[in-house]
């Protein structure tokens, strides 16, 4: 194997290892997106309720752009809205619809995260070959990126739907 192939293989192996190390962070991200009830944290009930994650430790590992996703949770994530149900005077129908949205996203995100894990295992297998086909490796990396983008877009759609459930007064 020539030096360039060795360097590329080492870089890709390092990148794959980093992806596997992020599995816990991705689970945290998925949980946050789904708006599952979390621990109350240092920011109090309104900031760390349904829509946030298990503590703040996972935020640094979520990757570039996910800080924006966290901010969007406060903008209209179903879990965050539910956490504020008393302050917003949500109706029973609104609460029911928001809980349903949370559960649907949780199921969706769980399936997508499983797809990502499988794709990462396949990527690792490709890189373990004595002569990896780097075109296939790049395709697998693209496949993972597409799934992650789909999840983010779906999350944004959920925020839009959540906000559409609220009255003008509740949105203030």
C-alpha atoms as a PDB file:
ATOM      1  CA  UNK A   1       0.000   0.000   0.000  1.00  0.00           C
ATOM      2  CA  UNK A   2       1.411   3.378  -0.898  1.00  0.00           C
ATOM      3  CA  UNK A   3       1.782   6.214   1.606  1.00  0.00           C
ATOM      4  CA  UNK A   4      -1.230   8.176   0.356  1.00  0.00           C
ATOM      5  CA  UNK A   5      -3.521   5.153   0.736  1.00  0.00           C
ATOM      6  CA  UNK A   6      -2.255   4.582   4.264  1.00  0.00           C
ATOM      7  CA  UNK A   7      -2.813   8.226   5.214  1.00  0.00           C
ATOM      8  CA  UNK A   8      -6.340   8.201   3.760  1.00  0.00           C
ATOM      9  CA  UNK A   9      -7.159   4.925   5.502  1.00  0.00           C
ATOM     10  CA  UNK A  10      -5.922   6.254   8.857  1.00  0.00           C
ATOM     11  CA  UNK A  11      -7.930   9.469   8.462  1.00  0.00           C
ATOM     12  CA  UNK A  12     -11.082   7.555   7.533  1.00  0.00           C
ATOM     13  CA  UNK A  13     -10.601   5.091  10.373  1.00  0.00           C
ATOM     14  CA  UNK A  14     -10.215   7.996  12.788  1.00  0.00           C
ATOM     15  CA  UNK A  15     -13.354   9.625  11.381  1.00  0.00           C
ATOM     16  CA  UNK A  16     -15.281   6.366  11.703  1.00  0.00           C
ATOM     17  CA  UNK A  17     -14.126   5.974  15.299  1.00  0.00           C
ATOM     18  CA  UNK A  18     -15.293   9.503  16.031  1.00  0.00           C
ATOM     19  CA  UNK A  19     -18.674   8.688  14.514  1.00  0.00           C
ATOM     20  CA  UNK A  20     -19.062   5.678  16.786  1.00  0.00           C
ATOM     21  CA  UNK A  21     -18.028   7.786  19.775  1.00  0.00           C
ATOM     22  CA  UNK A  22     -20.898  10.129  18.963  1.00  0.00           C
ATOM     23  CA  UNK A  23     -23.573   7.417  19.286  1.00  0.00           C
ATOM     24  CA  UNK A  24     -24.418   8.533  22.829  1.00  0.00           C
ATOM     25  CA  UNK A  25     -24.592  12.149  21.710  1.00  0.00           C
ATOM     26  CA  UNK A  26     -26.844  11.168  18.820  1.00  0.00           C
ATOM     27  CA  UNK A  27     -29.193   9.360  21.175  1.00  0.00           C
ATOM     28  CA  UNK A  28     -29.279  12.516  23.266  1.00  0.00           C
ATOM     29  CA  UNK A  29     -29.961  14.552  20.134  1.00  0.00           C
ATOM     30  CA  UNK A  30     -32.781  12.217  19.123  1.00  0.00           C
ATOM     31  CA  UNK A  31     -34.299  12.361  22.586  1.00  0.00           C
ATOM     32  CA  UNK A  32     -34.079  16.126  22.595  1.00  0.00           C
ATOM     33  CA  UNK A  33     -35.693  16.346  19.157  1.00  0.00           C
ATOM     34  CA  UNK A  34     -38.492  14.066  20.204  1.00  0.00           C
ATOM     35  CA  UNK A  35     -39.170  16.319  23.159  1.00  0.00           C
ATOM     36  CA  UNK A  36     -39.101  13.497  25.660  1.00  0.00           C
ATOM     37  CA  UNK A  37     -39.402  14.649  29.301  1.00  0.00           C
ATOM     38  CA  UNK A  38     -35.981  15.342  30.740  1.00  0.00           C
ATOM     39  CA  UNK A  39     -34.367  16.307  33.990  1.00  0.00           C
ATOM     40  CA  UNK A  40     -34.957  19.795  35.312  1.00  0.00           C
ATOM     41  CA  UNK A  41     -31.602  21.448  35.190  1.00  0.00           C
ATOM     42  CA  UNK A  42     -29.728  24.552  36.036  1.00  0.00           C
ATOM     43  CA  UNK A  43     -31.957  26.786  33.952  1.00  0.00           C
ATOM     44  CA  UNK A  44     -35.172  25.848  35.711  1.00  0.00           C
ATOM     45  CA  UNK A  45     -38.447  24.296  34.654  1.00  0.00           C
ATOM     46  CA  UNK A  46     -39.055  26.332  31.538  1.00  0.00           C
ATOM     47  CA  UNK A  47     -35.651  25.752  30.003  1.00  0.00           C
ATOM     48  CA  UNK A  48     -34.876  22.134  30.770  1.00  0.00           C
ATOM     49  CA  UNK A  49     -38.207  20.341  30.729  1.00  0.00           C
ATOM     50  CA  UNK A  50     -39.613  18.161  27.970  1.00  0.00           C
ATOM     51  CA  UNK A  51     -37.693  19.675  25.111  1.00  0.00           C
ATOM     52  CA  UNK A  52     -34.123  19.527  26.293  1.00  0.00           C
ATOM     53  CA  UNK A  53     -31.634  16.792  27.024  1.00  0.00           C
ATOM     54  CA  UNK A  54     -30.199  14.810  29.900  1.00  0.00           C
ATOM     55  CA  UNK A  55     -28.019  17.575  31.280  1.00  0.00           C
ATOM     56  CA  UNK A  56     -25.908  19.970  29.313  1.00  0.00           C
ATOM     57  CA  UNK A  57     -22.964  17.601  28.754  1.00  0.00           C
ATOM     58  CA  UNK A  58     -24.226  16.393  25.385  1.00  0.00           C
ATOM     59  CA  UNK A  59     -24.415  19.774  23.709  1.00  0.00           C
ATOM     60  CA  UNK A  60     -20.760  20.022  22.809  1.00  0.00           C
ATOM     61  CA  UNK A  61     -20.825  16.648  21.097  1.00  0.00           C
ATOM     62  CA  UNK A  62     -23.884  17.233  18.932  1.00  0.00           C
ATOM     63  CA  UNK A  63     -21.971  18.846  16.135  1.00  0.00           C
ATOM     64  CA  UNK A  64     -21.982  22.062  14.242  1.00  0.00           C
ATOM     65  CA  UNK A  65     -25.415  23.515  13.668  1.00  0.00           C
ATOM     66  CA  UNK A  66     -27.091  21.677  16.514  1.00  0.00           C
ATOM     67  CA  UNK A  67     -26.801  24.754  18.728  1.00  0.00           C
ATOM     68  CA  UNK A  68     -29.354  26.258  16.367  1.00  0.00           C
ATOM     69  CA  UNK A  69     -31.547  23.178  16.827  1.00  0.00           C
ATOM     70  CA  UNK A  70     -31.394  23.670  20.599  1.00  0.00           C
ATOM     71  CA  UNK A  71     -32.470  27.277  20.180  1.00  0.00           C
ATOM     72  CA  UNK A  72     -35.317  26.153  17.943  1.00  0.00           C
ATOM     73  CA  UNK A  73     -36.562  23.887  20.724  1.00  0.00           C
ATOM     74  CA  UNK A  74     -37.389  27.025  22.659  1.00  0.00           C
ATOM     75  CA  UNK A  75     -39.052  28.472  19.580  1.00  0.00           C
ATOM     76  CA  UNK A  76     -41.671  25.745  19.321  1.00  0.00           C
ATOM     77  CA  UNK A  77     -40.552  22.201  20.113  1.00  0.00           C
ATOM     78  CA  UNK A  78     -43.639  20.218  21.216  1.00  0.00           C
ATOM     79  CA  UNK A  79     -41.970  19.233  24.485  1.00  0.00           C
ATOM     80  CA  UNK A  80     -40.994  22.773  25.340  1.00  0.00           C
ATOM     81  CA  UNK A  81     -44.529  23.961  24.644  1.00  0.00           C
ATOM     82  CA  UNK A  82     -45.898  21.187  26.855  1.00  0.00           C
ATOM     83  CA  UNK A  83     -43.519  22.191  29.626  1.00  0.00           C
ATOM     84  CA  UNK A  84     -45.057  25.653  29.423  1.00  0.00           C
ATOM     85  CA  UNK A  85     -48.643  24.317  29.308  1.00  0.00           C
ATOM     86  CA  UNK A  86     -49.761  26.087  32.500  1.00  0.00           C
ATOM     87  CA  UNK A  87     -48.265  29.419  31.475  1.00  0.00           C
ATOM     88  CA  UNK A  88     -49.732  29.142  27.969  1.00  0.00           C
ATOM     89  CA  UNK A  89     -53.134  27.887  29.152  1.00  0.00           C
ATOM     90  CA  UNK A  90     -53.067  25.036  26.644  1.00  0.00           C
ATOM     91  CA  UNK A  91     -56.365  23.301  25.961  1.00  0.00           C
ATOM     92  CA  UNK A  92     -56.750  19.552  26.404  1.00  0.00           C
ATOM     93  CA  UNK A  93     -56.828  19.176  22.615  1.00  0.00           C
ATOM     94  CA  UNK A  94     -53.579  21.116  22.237  1.00  0.00           C
ATOM     95  CA  UNK A  95     -51.906  18.990  24.901  1.00  0.00           C
ATOM     96  CA  UNK A  96     -53.117  15.792  23.262  1.00  0.00           C
ATOM     97  CA  UNK A  97     -51.928  16.905  19.808  1.00  0.00           C
ATOM     98  CA  UNK A  98     -48.504  17.929  21.134  1.00  0.00           C
ATOM     99  CA  UNK A  99     -48.034  14.629  22.976  1.00  0.00           C
ATOM    100  CA  UNK A 100     -49.000  12.749  19.831  1.00  0.00           C
ATOM    101  CA  UNK A 101     -46.454  14.741  17.805  1.00  0.00           C
ATOM    102  CA  UNK A 102     -43.760  13.962  20.368  1.00  0.00           C
ATOM    103  CA  UNK A 103     -44.505  10.244  20.280  1.00  0.00           C
ATOM    104  CA  UNK A 104     -44.561  10.130  16.481  1.00  0.00           C
ATOM    105  CA  UNK A 105     -41.243  11.910  16.250  1.00  0.00           C
ATOM    106  CA  UNK A 106     -39.740   9.598  18.875  1.00  0.00           C
ATOM    107  CA  UNK A 107     -40.693   6.576  16.759  1.00  0.00           C
ATOM    108  CA  UNK A 108     -39.455   8.228  13.559  1.00  0.00           C
ATOM    109  CA  UNK A 109     -36.150   9.319  15.103  1.00  0.00           C
ATOM    110  CA  UNK A 110     -35.521   5.920  16.699  1.00  0.00           C
ATOM    111  CA  UNK A 111     -35.860   4.232  13.306  1.00  0.00           C
ATOM    112  CA  UNK A 112     -33.630   6.803  11.612  1.00  0.00           C
ATOM    113  CA  UNK A 113     -30.956   6.482  14.304  1.00  0.00           C
ATOM    114  CA  UNK A 114     -30.986   2.719  13.796  1.00  0.00           C
ATOM    115  CA  UNK A 115     -30.475   3.322  10.060  1.00  0.00           C
ATOM    116  CA  UNK A 116     -27.510   5.567  10.859  1.00  0.00           C
ATOM    117  CA  UNK A 117     -25.976   2.968  13.191  1.00  0.00           C
ATOM    118  CA  UNK A 118     -26.289   0.263  10.533  1.00  0.00           C
ATOM    119  CA  UNK A 119     -24.738   2.547   7.916  1.00  0.00           C
ATOM    120  CA  UNK A 120     -21.827   3.283  10.275  1.00  0.00           C
ATOM    121  CA  UNK A 121     -21.228  -0.425  10.819  1.00  0.00           C
ATOM    122  CA  UNK A 122     -21.235  -0.913   7.054  1.00  0.00           C
ATOM    123  CA  UNK A 123     -18.805   1.992   6.702  1.00  0.00           C
ATOM    124  CA  UNK A 124     -16.517   0.419   9.259  1.00  0.00           C
ATOM    125  CA  UNK A 125     -16.637  -2.890   7.372  1.00  0.00           C
ATOM    126  CA  UNK A 126     -15.719  -1.104   4.147  1.00  0.00           C
ATOM    127  CA  UNK A 127     -12.734   0.532   5.792  1.00  0.00           C
ATOM    128  CA  UNK A 128     -11.569  -2.750   7.301  1.00  0.00           C
ATOM    129  CA  UNK A 129     -11.032  -4.194   3.819  1.00  0.00           C
ATOM    130  CA  UNK A 130      -7.450  -4.549   2.638  1.00  0.00           C
ATOM    131  CA  UNK A 131      -8.282  -2.325  -0.352  1.00  0.00           C
ATOM    132  CA  UNK A 132     -11.275  -0.157   0.483  1.00  0.00           C
ATOM    133  CA  UNK A 133     -13.324   1.143  -2.432  1.00  0.00           C
ATOM    134  CA  UNK A 134     -13.266   4.818  -1.530  1.00  0.00           C
ATOM    135  CA  UNK A 135     -16.071   5.642  -3.957  1.00  0.00           C
ATOM    136  CA  UNK A 136     -18.319   3.286  -1.958  1.00  0.00           C
ATOM    137  CA  UNK A 137     -17.014   4.762   1.291  1.00  0.00           C
ATOM    138  CA  UNK A 138     -17.933   8.262   0.098  1.00  0.00           C
ATOM    139  CA  UNK A 139     -21.404   7.039  -0.915  1.00  0.00           C
ATOM    140  CA  UNK A 140     -21.922   5.571   2.561  1.00  0.00           C
ATOM    141  CA  UNK A 141     -20.826   8.835   4.196  1.00  0.00           C
ATOM    142  CA  UNK A 142     -23.298  10.677   1.945  1.00  0.00           C
ATOM    143  CA  UNK A 143     -26.042   8.201   2.917  1.00  0.00           C
ATOM    144  CA  UNK A 144     -25.476   8.977   6.590  1.00  0.00           C
ATOM    145  CA  UNK A 145     -25.529  12.718   5.920  1.00  0.00           C
ATOM    146  CA  UNK A 146     -28.822  12.428   4.026  1.00  0.00           C
ATOM    147  CA  UNK A 147     -30.498  10.607   6.925  1.00  0.00           C
ATOM    148  CA  UNK A 148     -29.246  13.209   9.398  1.00  0.00           C
ATOM    149  CA  UNK A 149     -30.550  16.021   7.176  1.00  0.00           C
ATOM    150  CA  UNK A 150     -33.942  14.298   6.877  1.00  0.00           C
ATOM    151  CA  UNK A 151     -34.150  14.148  10.669  1.00  0.00           C
ATOM    152  CA  UNK A 152     -33.386  17.847  11.037  1.00  0.00           C
ATOM    153  CA  UNK A 153     -35.924  18.827   8.380  1.00  0.00           C
ATOM    154  CA  UNK A 154     -38.551  16.616  10.015  1.00  0.00           C
ATOM    155  CA  UNK A 155     -37.786  18.289  13.334  1.00  0.00           C
ATOM    156  CA  UNK A 156     -38.265  21.731  11.786  1.00  0.00           C
ATOM    157  CA  UNK A 157     -41.572  20.555  10.322  1.00  0.00           C
ATOM    158  CA  UNK A 158     -42.606  19.480  13.843  1.00  0.00           C
ATOM    159  CA  UNK A 159     -41.772  22.914  15.205  1.00  0.00           C
ATOM    160  CA  UNK A 160     -43.911  24.516  12.518  1.00  0.00           C
ATOM    161  CA  UNK A 161     -46.824  22.182  13.270  1.00  0.00           C
ATOM    162  CA  UNK A 162     -46.456  22.815  17.001  1.00  0.00           C
ATOM    163  CA  UNK A 163     -46.542  26.561  16.570  1.00  0.00           C
ATOM    164  CA  UNK A 164     -49.570  26.265  14.280  1.00  0.00           C
ATOM    165  CA  UNK A 165     -51.464  24.647  17.158  1.00  0.00           C
ATOM    166  CA  UNK A 166     -51.053  27.768  19.276  1.00  0.00           C
ATOM    167  CA  UNK A 167     -53.191  30.873  19.259  1.00  0.00           C
ATOM    168  CA  UNK A 168     -51.724  34.294  18.550  1.00  0.00           C
ATOM    169  CA  UNK A 169     -51.893  35.087  22.258  1.00  0.00           C
ATOM    170  CA  UNK A 170     -50.042  31.861  23.192  1.00  0.00           C
ATOM    171  CA  UNK A 171     -47.271  32.651  20.692  1.00  0.00           C
ATOM    172  CA  UNK A 172     -46.464  35.989  22.393  1.00  0.00           C
END
